[in-house]
């Protein structure tokens, strides 16, 4: 294998590197020129949370009052007959 520094091929490598850098810069410039940024409206949220808090507290109370396991009516009647 030949040493590129001794044979004078180093100019070719530098030109290749420079051309790749120039192409990358051109693509970057083209992408920034043709990229249109749309103005996005700022969303405004309602600061009145009283309705949400009331509904949430009702849901929490309902969840606490429900039983974890529900029995069918058939099973309850069978349990009562056996006792």
PDB file of N, CA and C in Angstrom:
ATOM      1  N   UNK A   1       0.853  -1.182   0.000  1.00  0.00           N
ATOM      2  CA  UNK A   1       0.000   0.000   0.000  1.00  0.00           C
ATOM      3  C   UNK A   1       0.898   1.244   0.000  1.00  0.00           C
ATOM      4  N   UNK A   2       0.516   2.194  -0.805  1.00  0.00           N
ATOM      5  CA  UNK A   2       1.328   3.401  -0.924  1.00  0.00           C
ATOM      6  C   UNK A   2       0.938   4.423   0.139  1.00  0.00           C
ATOM      7  N   UNK A   3       1.887   5.187   0.577  1.00  0.00           N
ATOM      8  CA  UNK A   3       1.639   6.236   1.549  1.00  0.00           C
ATOM      9  C   UNK A   3       1.058   7.453   0.810  1.00  0.00           C
ATOM     10  N   UNK A   4      -0.169   7.890   1.164  1.00  0.00           N
ATOM     11  CA  UNK A   4      -0.775   9.007   0.429  1.00  0.00           C
ATOM     12  C   UNK A   4      -0.025  10.318   0.626  1.00  0.00           C
ATOM     13  N   UNK A   5       0.717  10.453   1.721  1.00  0.00           N
ATOM     14  CA  UNK A   5       1.461  11.692   1.953  1.00  0.00           C
ATOM     15  C   UNK A   5       2.665  11.803   1.005  1.00  0.00           C
ATOM     16  N   UNK A   6       3.232  10.680   0.652  1.00  0.00           N
ATOM     17  CA  UNK A   6       4.410  10.698  -0.214  1.00  0.00           C
ATOM     18  C   UNK A   6       4.040  10.781  -1.694  1.00  0.00           C
ATOM     19  N   UNK A   7       2.920  10.190  -2.091  1.00  0.00           N
ATOM     20  CA  UNK A   7       2.568  10.130  -3.511  1.00  0.00           C
ATOM     21  C   UNK A   7       1.807  11.354  -3.982  1.00  0.00           C
ATOM     22  N   UNK A   8       1.407  12.233  -3.098  1.00  0.00           N
ATOM     23  CA  UNK A   8       0.704  13.440  -3.510  1.00  0.00           C
ATOM     24  C   UNK A   8      -0.804  13.293  -3.580  1.00  0.00           C
ATOM     25  N   UNK A   9      -1.327  12.179  -3.082  1.00  0.00           N
ATOM     26  CA  UNK A   9      -2.780  11.970  -3.091  1.00  0.00           C
ATOM     27  C   UNK A   9      -3.485  12.735  -1.974  1.00  0.00           C
ATOM     28  N   UNK A  10      -2.719  13.339  -1.103  1.00  0.00           N
ATOM     29  CA  UNK A  10      -3.326  14.052   0.023  1.00  0.00           C
ATOM     30  C   UNK A  10      -4.200  15.188  -0.461  1.00  0.00           C
ATOM     31  N   UNK A  11      -3.866  15.801  -1.600  1.00  0.00           N
ATOM     32  CA  UNK A  11      -4.704  16.874  -2.160  1.00  0.00           C
ATOM     33  C   UNK A  11      -6.086  16.345  -2.509  1.00  0.00           C
ATOM     34  N   UNK A  12      -6.144  15.129  -3.023  1.00  0.00           N
ATOM     35  CA  UNK A  12      -7.436  14.533  -3.384  1.00  0.00           C
ATOM     36  C   UNK A  12      -8.290  14.306  -2.130  1.00  0.00           C
ATOM     37  N   UNK A  13      -7.666  13.837  -1.048  1.00  0.00           N
ATOM     38  CA  UNK A  13      -8.405  13.607   0.190  1.00  0.00           C
ATOM     39  C   UNK A  13      -8.914  14.916   0.779  1.00  0.00           C
ATOM     40  N   UNK A  14      -8.088  15.950   0.728  1.00  0.00           N
ATOM     41  CA  UNK A  14      -8.509  17.247   1.257  1.00  0.00           C
ATOM     42  C   UNK A  14      -9.638  17.825   0.408  1.00  0.00           C
ATOM     43  N   UNK A  15      -9.547  17.685  -0.912  1.00  0.00           N
ATOM     44  CA  UNK A  15     -10.629  18.163  -1.787  1.00  0.00           C
ATOM     45  C   UNK A  15     -11.922  17.391  -1.537  1.00  0.00           C
ATOM     46  N   UNK A  16     -11.808  16.091  -1.331  1.00  0.00           N
ATOM     47  CA  UNK A  16     -13.002  15.284  -1.038  1.00  0.00           C
ATOM     48  C   UNK A  16     -13.642  15.738   0.273  1.00  0.00           C
ATOM     49  N   UNK A  17     -12.830  15.932   1.298  1.00  0.00           N
ATOM     50  CA  UNK A  17     -13.347  16.371   2.594  1.00  0.00           C
ATOM     51  C   UNK A  17     -13.989  17.745   2.471  1.00  0.00           C
ATOM     52  N   UNK A  18     -13.334  18.658   1.768  1.00  0.00           N
ATOM     53  CA  UNK A  18     -13.873  20.017   1.611  1.00  0.00           C
ATOM     54  C   UNK A  18     -15.172  19.997   0.822  1.00  0.00           C
ATOM     55  N   UNK A  19     -15.260  19.150  -0.188  1.00  0.00           N
ATOM     56  CA  UNK A  19     -16.505  19.095  -0.973  1.00  0.00           C
ATOM     57  C   UNK A  19     -17.655  18.546  -0.146  1.00  0.00           C
ATOM     58  N   UNK A  20     -17.371  17.561   0.699  1.00  0.00           N
ATOM     59  CA  UNK A  20     -18.430  17.025   1.574  1.00  0.00           C
ATOM     60  C   UNK A  20     -18.895  18.101   2.546  1.00  0.00           C
ATOM     61  N   UNK A  21     -17.980  18.865   3.114  1.00  0.00           N
ATOM     62  CA  UNK A  21     -18.346  19.935   4.044  1.00  0.00           C
ATOM     63  C   UNK A  21     -19.161  21.011   3.324  1.00  0.00           C
ATOM     64  N   UNK A  22     -18.760  21.370   2.119  1.00  0.00           N
ATOM     65  CA  UNK A  22     -19.506  22.382   1.357  1.00  0.00           C
ATOM     66  C   UNK A  22     -20.909  21.893   1.043  1.00  0.00           C
ATOM     67  N   UNK A  23     -21.050  20.636   0.653  1.00  0.00           N
ATOM     68  CA  UNK A  23     -22.385  20.086   0.369  1.00  0.00           C
ATOM     69  C   UNK A  23     -23.244  20.094   1.625  1.00  0.00           C
ATOM     70  N   UNK A  24     -22.668  19.737   2.777  1.00  0.00           N
ATOM     71  CA  UNK A  24     -23.437  19.755   4.025  1.00  0.00           C
ATOM     72  C   UNK A  24     -23.895  21.167   4.366  1.00  0.00           C
ATOM     73  N   UNK A  25     -23.021  22.141   4.180  1.00  0.00           N
ATOM     74  CA  UNK A  25     -23.377  23.538   4.463  1.00  0.00           C
ATOM     75  C   UNK A  25     -24.478  23.999   3.518  1.00  0.00           C
ATOM     76  N   UNK A  26     -24.398  23.638   2.249  1.00  0.00           N
ATOM     77  CA  UNK A  26     -25.439  24.025   1.288  1.00  0.00           C
ATOM     78  C   UNK A  26     -26.789  23.406   1.647  1.00  0.00           C
ATOM     79  N   UNK A  27     -26.781  22.137   2.044  1.00  0.00           N
ATOM     80  CA  UNK A  27     -28.046  21.509   2.445  1.00  0.00           C
ATOM     81  C   UNK A  27     -28.613  22.172   3.696  1.00  0.00           C
ATOM     82  N   UNK A  28     -27.749  22.554   4.638  1.00  0.00           N
ATOM     83  CA  UNK A  28     -28.221  23.230   5.835  1.00  0.00           C
ATOM     84  C   UNK A  28     -28.850  24.576   5.492  1.00  0.00           C
ATOM     85  N   UNK A  29     -28.204  25.332   4.628  1.00  0.00           N
ATOM     86  CA  UNK A  29     -28.736  26.636   4.224  1.00  0.00           C
ATOM     87  C   UNK A  29     -30.061  26.463   3.486  1.00  0.00           C
ATOM     88  N   UNK A  30     -30.125  25.471   2.590  1.00  0.00           N
ATOM     89  CA  UNK A  30     -31.361  25.240   1.837  1.00  0.00           C
ATOM     90  C   UNK A  30     -32.492  24.821   2.774  1.00  0.00           C
ATOM     91  N   UNK A  31     -32.190  24.001   3.772  1.00  0.00           N
ATOM     92  CA  UNK A  31     -33.252  23.551   4.677  1.00  0.00           C
ATOM     93  C   UNK A  31     -33.753  24.697   5.552  1.00  0.00           C
ATOM     94  N   UNK A  32     -32.876  25.636   5.930  1.00  0.00           N
ATOM     95  CA  UNK A  32     -33.333  26.758   6.745  1.00  0.00           C
ATOM     96  C   UNK A  32     -34.095  27.786   5.917  1.00  0.00           C
ATOM     97  N   UNK A  33     -33.768  27.909   4.644  1.00  0.00           N
ATOM     98  CA  UNK A  33     -34.477  28.882   3.802  1.00  0.00           C
ATOM     99  C   UNK A  33     -35.891  28.425   3.475  1.00  0.00           C
ATOM    100  N   UNK A  34     -36.062  27.153   3.205  1.00  0.00           N
ATOM    101  CA  UNK A  34     -37.356  26.649   2.758  1.00  0.00           C
ATOM    102  C   UNK A  34     -38.219  26.109   3.889  1.00  0.00           C
ATOM    103  N   UNK A  35     -37.742  26.206   5.104  1.00  0.00           N
ATOM    104  CA  UNK A  35     -38.509  25.707   6.244  1.00  0.00           C
ATOM    105  C   UNK A  35     -39.344  26.846   6.817  1.00  0.00           C
ATOM    106  N   UNK A  36     -40.662  26.766   6.634  1.00  0.00           N
ATOM    107  CA  UNK A  36     -41.563  27.792   7.155  1.00  0.00           C
ATOM    108  C   UNK A  36     -42.051  27.379   8.541  1.00  0.00           C
ATOM    109  N   UNK A  37     -41.851  28.244   9.504  1.00  0.00           N
ATOM    110  CA  UNK A  37     -42.294  27.973  10.863  1.00  0.00           C
ATOM    111  C   UNK A  37     -43.655  28.623  11.052  1.00  0.00           C
ATOM    112  N   UNK A  38     -44.645  27.793  11.390  1.00  0.00           N
ATOM    113  CA  UNK A  38     -45.990  28.318  11.606  1.00  0.00           C
ATOM    114  C   UNK A  38     -46.100  28.857  13.023  1.00  0.00           C
ATOM    115  N   UNK A  39     -46.865  29.921  13.152  1.00  0.00           N
ATOM    116  CA  UNK A  39     -47.109  30.473  14.478  1.00  0.00           C
ATOM    117  C   UNK A  39     -48.176  29.622  15.164  1.00  0.00           C
ATOM    118  N   UNK A  40     -47.855  29.126  16.313  1.00  0.00           N
ATOM    119  CA  UNK A  40     -48.767  28.276  17.068  1.00  0.00           C
ATOM    120  C   UNK A  40     -49.424  29.120  18.147  1.00  0.00           C
ATOM    121  N   UNK A  41     -50.752  29.028  18.212  1.00  0.00           N
ATOM    122  CA  UNK A  41     -51.465  29.797  19.232  1.00  0.00           C
ATOM    123  C   UNK A  41     -51.193  29.201  20.604  1.00  0.00           C
ATOM    124  N   UNK A  42     -51.000  30.069  21.550  1.00  0.00           N
ATOM    125  CA  UNK A  42     -50.745  29.628  22.909  1.00  0.00           C
ATOM    126  C   UNK A  42     -52.067  29.190  23.529  1.00  0.00           C
ATOM    127  N   UNK A  43     -52.058  28.016  24.116  1.00  0.00           N
ATOM    128  CA  UNK A  43     -53.285  27.497  24.721  1.00  0.00           C
ATOM    129  C   UNK A  43     -53.436  28.066  26.122  1.00  0.00           C
ATOM    130  N   UNK A  44     -54.656  28.438  26.432  1.00  0.00           N
ATOM    131  CA  UNK A  44     -54.934  29.005  27.742  1.00  0.00           C
ATOM    132  C   UNK A  44     -55.869  28.057  28.475  1.00  0.00           C
ATOM    133  N   UNK A  45     -55.467  27.647  29.638  1.00  0.00           N
ATOM    134  CA  UNK A  45     -56.246  26.704  30.413  1.00  0.00           C
ATOM    135  C   UNK A  45     -57.059  27.445  31.466  1.00  0.00           C
ATOM    136  N   UNK A  46     -58.190  26.865  31.764  1.00  0.00           N
ATOM    137  CA  UNK A  46     -59.077  27.442  32.754  1.00  0.00           C
ATOM    138  C   UNK A  46     -58.465  27.254  34.142  1.00  0.00           C
ATOM    139  N   UNK A  47     -58.354  28.340  34.876  1.00  0.00           N
ATOM    140  CA  UNK A  47     -57.772  28.267  36.209  1.00  0.00           C
ATOM    141  C   UNK A  47     -58.798  27.932  37.275  1.00  0.00           C
ATOM    142  N   UNK A  48     -60.055  27.871  36.911  1.00  0.00           N
ATOM    143  CA  UNK A  48     -61.113  27.560  37.857  1.00  0.00           C
ATOM    144  C   UNK A  48     -61.212  26.044  37.984  1.00  0.00           C
ATOM    145  N   UNK A  49     -60.641  25.502  39.042  1.00  0.00           N
ATOM    146  CA  UNK A  49     -60.595  24.055  39.224  1.00  0.00           C
ATOM    147  C   UNK A  49     -61.634  23.551  40.213  1.00  0.00           C
ATOM    148  N   UNK A  50     -62.558  24.383  40.644  1.00  0.00           N
ATOM    149  CA  UNK A  50     -63.492  23.955  41.686  1.00  0.00           C
ATOM    150  C   UNK A  50     -64.387  22.827  41.189  1.00  0.00           C
ATOM    151  N   UNK A  51     -64.854  22.910  39.936  1.00  0.00           N
ATOM    152  CA  UNK A  51     -65.711  21.839  39.412  1.00  0.00           C
ATOM    153  C   UNK A  51     -64.933  20.542  39.310  1.00  0.00           C
ATOM    154  N   UNK A  52     -63.708  20.627  38.873  1.00  0.00           N
ATOM    155  CA  UNK A  52     -62.884  19.424  38.763  1.00  0.00           C
ATOM    156  C   UNK A  52     -62.646  18.814  40.133  1.00  0.00           C
ATOM    157  N   UNK A  53     -62.358  19.652  41.123  1.00  0.00           N
ATOM    158  CA  UNK A  53     -62.087  19.142  42.462  1.00  0.00           C
ATOM    159  C   UNK A  53     -63.324  18.485  43.052  1.00  0.00           C
ATOM    160  N   UNK A  54     -64.481  19.076  42.835  1.00  0.00           N
ATOM    161  CA  UNK A  54     -65.720  18.488  43.359  1.00  0.00           C
ATOM    162  C   UNK A  54     -65.994  17.145  42.710  1.00  0.00           C
ATOM    163  N   UNK A  55     -65.844  17.089  41.384  1.00  0.00           N
ATOM    164  CA  UNK A  55     -66.082  15.822  40.685  1.00  0.00           C
ATOM    165  C   UNK A  55     -65.071  14.762  41.100  1.00  0.00           C
ATOM    166  N   UNK A  56     -63.827  15.160  41.279  1.00  0.00           N
ATOM    167  CA  UNK A  56     -62.791  14.207  41.676  1.00  0.00           C
ATOM    168  C   UNK A  56     -63.080  13.664  43.069  1.00  0.00           C
ATOM    169  N   UNK A  57     -63.487  14.542  43.983  1.00  0.00           N
ATOM    170  CA  UNK A  57     -63.786  14.073  45.347  1.00  0.00           C
ATOM    171  C   UNK A  57     -64.973  13.127  45.340  1.00  0.00           C
ATOM    172  N   UNK A  58     -65.968  13.390  44.507  1.00  0.00           N
ATOM    173  CA  UNK A  58     -67.107  12.472  44.409  1.00  0.00           C
ATOM    174  C   UNK A  58     -66.668  11.114  43.884  1.00  0.00           C
ATOM    175  N   UNK A  59     -65.807  11.113  42.875  1.00  0.00           N
ATOM    176  CA  UNK A  59     -65.331   9.848  42.310  1.00  0.00           C
ATOM    177  C   UNK A  59     -64.520   9.066  43.334  1.00  0.00           C
ATOM    178  N   UNK A  60     -63.713   9.762  44.116  1.00  0.00           N
ATOM    179  CA  UNK A  60     -62.909   9.083  45.132  1.00  0.00           C
ATOM    180  C   UNK A  60     -63.812   8.478  46.195  1.00  0.00           C
ATOM    181  N   UNK A  61     -64.832   9.207  46.617  1.00  0.00           N
ATOM    182  CA  UNK A  61     -65.756   8.685  47.629  1.00  0.00           C
ATOM    183  C   UNK A  61     -66.523   7.494  47.079  1.00  0.00           C
ATOM    184  N   UNK A  62     -66.958   7.570  45.819  1.00  0.00           N
ATOM    185  CA  UNK A  62     -67.668   6.451  45.213  1.00  0.00           C
ATOM    186  C   UNK A  62     -66.768   5.224  45.102  1.00  0.00           C
ATOM    187  N   UNK A  63     -65.511   5.445  44.767  1.00  0.00           N
ATOM    188  CA  UNK A  63     -64.581   4.328  44.643  1.00  0.00           C
ATOM    189  C   UNK A  63     -64.321   3.689  45.999  1.00  0.00           C
ATOM    190  N   UNK A  64     -64.297   4.474  47.045  1.00  0.00           N
ATOM    191  CA  UNK A  64     -64.081   3.928  48.388  1.00  0.00           C
ATOM    192  C   UNK A  64     -65.297   3.167  48.879  1.00  0.00           C
ATOM    193  N   UNK A  65     -66.482   3.559  48.450  1.00  0.00           N
ATOM    194  CA  UNK A  65     -67.701   2.909  48.909  1.00  0.00           C
ATOM    195  C   UNK A  65     -67.981   1.608  48.155  1.00  0.00           C
ATOM    196  N   UNK A  66     -67.415   1.441  46.989  1.00  0.00           N
ATOM    197  CA  UNK A  66     -67.653   0.213  46.221  1.00  0.00           C
ATOM    198  C   UNK A  66     -66.841  -0.920  46.814  1.00  0.00           C
ATOM    199  N   UNK A  67     -67.407  -2.123  46.701  1.00  0.00           N
ATOM    200  CA  UNK A  67     -66.693  -3.310  47.157  1.00  0.00           C
ATOM    201  C   UNK A  67     -65.707  -3.741  46.091  1.00  0.00           C
ATOM    202  N   UNK A  68     -64.651  -4.347  46.557  1.00  0.00           N
ATOM    203  CA  UNK A  68     -63.624  -4.776  45.611  1.00  0.00           C
ATOM    204  C   UNK A  68     -64.117  -5.961  44.786  1.00  0.00           C
ATOM    205  N   UNK A  69     -64.806  -6.897  45.419  1.00  0.00           N
ATOM    206  CA  UNK A  69     -65.327  -8.069  44.733  1.00  0.00           C
ATOM    207  C   UNK A  69     -66.843  -8.041  44.801  1.00  0.00           C
ATOM    208  N   UNK A  70     -67.478  -8.289  43.685  1.00  0.00           N
ATOM    209  CA  UNK A  70     -68.929  -8.343  43.645  1.00  0.00           C
ATOM    210  C   UNK A  70     -69.375  -9.792  43.517  1.00  0.00           C
ATOM    211  N   UNK A  71     -70.378 -10.162  44.302  1.00  0.00           N
ATOM    212  CA  UNK A  71     -70.925 -11.510  44.229  1.00  0.00           C
ATOM    213  C   UNK A  71     -72.212 -11.482  43.425  1.00  0.00           C
ATOM    214  N   UNK A  72     -72.437 -12.543  42.703  1.00  0.00           N
ATOM    215  CA  UNK A  72     -73.690 -12.655  41.963  1.00  0.00           C
ATOM    216  C   UNK A  72     -74.810 -13.023  42.926  1.00  0.00           C
ATOM    217  N   UNK A  73     -76.048 -12.723  42.535  1.00  0.00           N
ATOM    218  CA  UNK A  73     -77.190 -13.044  43.395  1.00  0.00           C
ATOM    219  C   UNK A  73     -77.326 -14.540  43.609  1.00  0.00           C
ATOM    220  N   UNK A  74     -77.012 -15.338  42.601  1.00  0.00           N
ATOM    221  CA  UNK A  74     -77.095 -16.790  42.736  1.00  0.00           C
ATOM    222  C   UNK A  74     -76.173 -17.279  43.839  1.00  0.00           C
ATOM    223  N   UNK A  75     -74.948 -16.777  43.825  1.00  0.00           N
ATOM    224  CA  UNK A  75     -73.976 -17.231  44.819  1.00  0.00           C
ATOM    225  C   UNK A  75     -74.390 -16.829  46.220  1.00  0.00           C
ATOM    226  N   UNK A  76     -74.967 -15.677  46.368  1.00  0.00           N
ATOM    227  CA  UNK A  76     -75.407 -15.230  47.690  1.00  0.00           C
ATOM    228  C   UNK A  76     -76.542 -16.123  48.184  1.00  0.00           C
ATOM    229  N   UNK A  77     -77.477 -16.464  47.298  1.00  0.00           N
ATOM    230  CA  UNK A  77     -78.598 -17.326  47.723  1.00  0.00           C
ATOM    231  C   UNK A  77     -78.097 -18.728  48.056  1.00  0.00           C
ATOM    232  N   UNK A  78     -77.116 -19.251  47.305  1.00  0.00           N
ATOM    233  CA  UNK A  78     -76.573 -20.560  47.618  1.00  0.00           C
ATOM    234  C   UNK A  78     -75.834 -20.560  48.952  1.00  0.00           C
ATOM    235  N   UNK A  79     -75.148 -19.495  49.241  1.00  0.00           N
ATOM    236  CA  UNK A  79     -74.445 -19.399  50.510  1.00  0.00           C
ATOM    237  C   UNK A  79     -75.444 -19.361  51.673  1.00  0.00           C
ATOM    238  N   UNK A  80     -76.559 -18.675  51.477  1.00  0.00           N
ATOM    239  CA  UNK A  80     -77.572 -18.603  52.535  1.00  0.00           C
ATOM    240  C   UNK A  80     -78.260 -19.924  52.754  1.00  0.00           C
ATOM    241  N   UNK A  81     -78.464 -20.723  51.705  1.00  0.00           N
ATOM    242  CA  UNK A  81     -79.112 -22.043  51.832  1.00  0.00           C
ATOM    243  C   UNK A  81     -78.206 -23.015  52.570  1.00  0.00           C
ATOM    244  N   UNK A  82     -76.910 -22.946  52.312  1.00  0.00           N
ATOM    245  CA  UNK A  82     -75.996 -23.871  52.950  1.00  0.00           C
ATOM    246  C   UNK A  82     -75.855 -23.601  54.434  1.00  0.00           C
ATOM    247  N   UNK A  83     -76.042 -22.398  54.835  1.00  0.00           N
ATOM    248  CA  UNK A  83     -75.908 -22.069  56.260  1.00  0.00           C
ATOM    249  C   UNK A  83     -77.216 -22.316  56.896  1.00  0.00           C
TER     250      UNK A  83
END
